C-alpha atoms as a PDB file:
ATOM      1  CA  UNK A   1      30.115  20.698 -13.079  1.00  0.00           C
ATOM      2  CA  UNK A   2      29.412  22.240  -9.665  1.00  0.00           C
ATOM      3  CA  UNK A   3      26.952  21.175  -7.038  1.00  0.00           C
ATOM      4  CA  UNK A   4      25.446  17.798  -6.353  1.00  0.00           C
ATOM      5  CA  UNK A   5      26.036  14.662  -8.335  1.00  0.00           C
ATOM      6  CA  UNK A   6      23.513  11.863  -8.581  1.00  0.00           C
ATOM      7  CA  UNK A   7      24.101   8.300  -7.434  1.00  0.00           C
ATOM      8  CA  UNK A   8      24.782   6.946 -10.927  1.00  0.00           C
ATOM      9  CA  UNK A   9      27.403   9.614 -11.602  1.00  0.00           C
ATOM     10  CA  UNK A  10      29.234   8.837  -8.339  1.00  0.00           C
ATOM     11  CA  UNK A  11      29.170   5.079  -8.931  1.00  0.00           C
ATOM     12  CA  UNK A  12      30.450   5.536 -12.480  1.00  0.00           C
ATOM     13  CA  UNK A  13      33.242   7.848 -11.277  1.00  0.00           C
ATOM     14  CA  UNK A  14      34.281   5.229  -8.701  1.00  0.00           C
ATOM     15  CA  UNK A  15      34.217   2.525 -11.377  1.00  0.00           C
ATOM     16  CA  UNK A  16      36.352   4.613 -13.732  1.00  0.00           C
ATOM     17  CA  UNK A  17      38.856   5.395 -10.964  1.00  0.00           C
ATOM     18  CA  UNK A  18      39.269   1.703 -10.133  1.00  0.00           C
ATOM     19  CA  UNK A  19      39.918   0.626 -13.727  1.00  0.00           C
ATOM     20  CA  UNK A  20      43.469  -0.389 -14.492  1.00  0.00           C
ATOM     21  CA  UNK A  21      45.498   2.564 -15.695  1.00  0.00           C
ATOM     22  CA  UNK A  22      43.259   5.223 -14.128  1.00  0.00           C
ATOM     23  CA  UNK A  23      43.823   7.229 -10.986  1.00  0.00           C
ATOM     24  CA  UNK A  24      41.209   9.033  -8.931  1.00  0.00           C
ATOM     25  CA  UNK A  25      42.969  12.335  -9.628  1.00  0.00           C
ATOM     26  CA  UNK A  26      42.944  11.773 -13.395  1.00  0.00           C
ATOM     27  CA  UNK A  27      39.252  10.810 -13.385  1.00  0.00           C
ATOM     28  CA  UNK A  28      38.392  13.843 -11.224  1.00  0.00           C
ATOM     29  CA  UNK A  29      40.187  16.132 -13.682  1.00  0.00           C
ATOM     30  CA  UNK A  30      38.549  14.477 -16.696  1.00  0.00           C
ATOM     31  CA  UNK A  31      35.066  14.764 -15.129  1.00  0.00           C
ATOM     32  CA  UNK A  32      35.675  18.277 -13.798  1.00  0.00           C
ATOM     33  CA  UNK A  33      35.003  17.439 -10.166  1.00  0.00           C
ATOM     34  CA  UNK A  34      36.900  18.582  -7.089  1.00  0.00           C
ATOM     35  CA  UNK A  35      40.010  16.753  -6.006  1.00  0.00           C
ATOM     36  CA  UNK A  36      39.248  14.238  -3.269  1.00  0.00           C
ATOM     37  CA  UNK A  37      35.613  13.636  -4.261  1.00  0.00           C
ATOM     38  CA  UNK A  38      36.208  10.114  -5.522  1.00  0.00           C
ATOM     39  CA  UNK A  39      38.075   9.157  -2.349  1.00  0.00           C
ATOM     40  CA  UNK A  40      35.148  10.404  -0.238  1.00  0.00           C
ATOM     41  CA  UNK A  41      32.638   8.613  -2.464  1.00  0.00           C
ATOM     42  CA  UNK A  42      34.648   5.369  -2.286  1.00  0.00           C
ATOM     43  CA  UNK A  43      34.718   5.606   1.512  1.00  0.00           C
ATOM     44  CA  UNK A  44      30.988   6.315   1.702  1.00  0.00           C
ATOM     45  CA  UNK A  45      30.218   3.399  -0.606  1.00  0.00           C
ATOM     46  CA  UNK A  46      32.523   1.081   1.350  1.00  0.00           C
ATOM     47  CA  UNK A  47      30.867   2.096   4.651  1.00  0.00           C
ATOM     48  CA  UNK A  48      27.239   2.181   3.465  1.00  0.00           C
ATOM     49  CA  UNK A  49      27.075  -0.121   0.451  1.00  0.00           C
ATOM     50  CA  UNK A  50      23.682   0.081  -1.269  1.00  0.00           C
ATOM     51  CA  UNK A  51      22.560   2.740   1.217  1.00  0.00           C
ATOM     52  CA  UNK A  52      25.174   5.194  -0.070  1.00  0.00           C
ATOM     53  CA  UNK A  53      24.347   8.201  -2.253  1.00  0.00           C
ATOM     54  CA  UNK A  54      20.613   8.524  -1.759  1.00  0.00           C
ATOM     55  CA  UNK A  55      20.790  12.234  -2.332  1.00  0.00           C
ATOM     56  CA  UNK A  56      19.154  15.236  -0.795  1.00  0.00           C
ATOM     57  CA  UNK A  57      15.858  14.561   0.914  1.00  0.00           C
ATOM     58  CA  UNK A  58      16.174  10.782   0.750  1.00  0.00           C
ATOM     59  CA  UNK A  59      16.776   8.528   3.709  1.00  0.00           C
ATOM     60  CA  UNK A  60      18.989   5.486   3.563  1.00  0.00           C
ATOM     61  CA  UNK A  61      16.978   2.353   2.772  1.00  0.00           C
ATOM     62  CA  UNK A  62      16.995   1.044   6.341  1.00  0.00           C
ATOM     63  CA  UNK A  63      15.756   4.387   7.668  1.00  0.00           C
ATOM     64  CA  UNK A  64      13.014   4.551   5.026  1.00  0.00           C
ATOM     65  CA  UNK A  65      11.906   1.047   6.056  1.00  0.00           C
ATOM     66  CA  UNK A  66      11.926   2.029   9.739  1.00  0.00           C
ATOM     67  CA  UNK A  67       9.859   5.121   8.949  1.00  0.00           C
ATOM     68  CA  UNK A  68       7.369   3.058   6.928  1.00  0.00           C
ATOM     69  CA  UNK A  69       7.061   0.488   9.730  1.00  0.00           C
ATOM     70  CA  UNK A  70       6.482   3.222  12.331  1.00  0.00           C
ATOM     71  CA  UNK A  71       3.675   4.709  10.214  1.00  0.00           C
ATOM     72  CA  UNK A  72       2.122   1.268   9.764  1.00  0.00           C
ATOM     73  CA  UNK A  73       2.437   0.569  13.484  1.00  0.00           C
ATOM     74  CA  UNK A  74       0.638   3.816  14.307  1.00  0.00           C
ATOM     75  CA  UNK A  75      -2.154   2.992  11.831  1.00  0.00           C
ATOM     76  CA  UNK A  76      -2.586  -0.463  13.347  1.00  0.00           C
ATOM     77  CA  UNK A  77      -2.764   1.033  16.856  1.00  0.00           C
ATOM     78  CA  UNK A  78      -5.526   3.400  15.734  1.00  0.00           C
ATOM     79  CA  UNK A  79      -7.448   0.500  14.174  1.00  0.00           C
ATOM     80  CA  UNK A  80      -7.006  -1.547  17.345  1.00  0.00           C
ATOM     81  CA  UNK A  81      -8.299   1.309  19.485  1.00  0.00           C
ATOM     82  CA  UNK A  82     -11.354   1.692  17.250  1.00  0.00           C
ATOM     83  CA  UNK A  83     -12.064  -2.038  17.495  1.00  0.00           C
ATOM     84  CA  UNK A  84     -11.726  -1.915  21.287  1.00  0.00           C
ATOM     85  CA  UNK A  85     -14.323   0.865  21.399  1.00  0.00           C
ATOM     86  CA  UNK A  86     -16.675  -1.086  19.129  1.00  0.00           C
ATOM     87  CA  UNK A  87     -16.344  -4.196  21.303  1.00  0.00           C
ATOM     88  CA  UNK A  88     -16.988  -2.108  24.421  1.00  0.00           C
ATOM     89  CA  UNK A  89     -20.117  -0.597  22.896  1.00  0.00           C
ATOM     90  CA  UNK A  90     -21.557  -3.943  21.819  1.00  0.00           C
ATOM     91  CA  UNK A  91     -20.749  -5.759  25.052  1.00  0.00           C
ATOM     92  CA  UNK A  92     -22.195  -2.944  27.164  1.00  0.00           C
ATOM     93  CA  UNK A  93     -25.852  -3.751  26.415  1.00  0.00           C
ATOM     94  CA  UNK A  94     -26.170  -6.299  23.598  1.00  0.00           C
ATOM     95  CA  UNK A  95     -29.985  -5.979  23.520  1.00  0.00           C
ATOM     96  CA  UNK A  96     -29.741  -2.290  22.727  1.00  0.00           C
ATOM     97  CA  UNK A  97     -27.929  -2.988  19.406  1.00  0.00           C
ATOM     98  CA  UNK A  98     -29.507  -6.307  18.362  1.00  0.00           C
ATOM     99  CA  UNK A  99     -32.684  -4.792  16.993  1.00  0.00           C
ATOM    100  CA  UNK A 100     -34.932  -6.975  19.213  1.00  0.00           C
END
């Protein structure tokens, strides 16, 4: 199997390699993956925990959250600016907009 492996595959390979009686090399051979992959995946999982293995085009969870919060912050700023303009219009000449 060449190319990219999904998160579940990597986690299962790590699990198999940590079972008693298995070695990373033996699991790599059995799964047909390159030598050293499981060691890299173990290191990535150890360093990143649940944020590991999000695949191509996906951000780690904390970066996705930061991105979402930045978008929300920008939306709230636009809404605030609109409200400021509305308040300025209505406080400029209240008689003009009251219908009297």
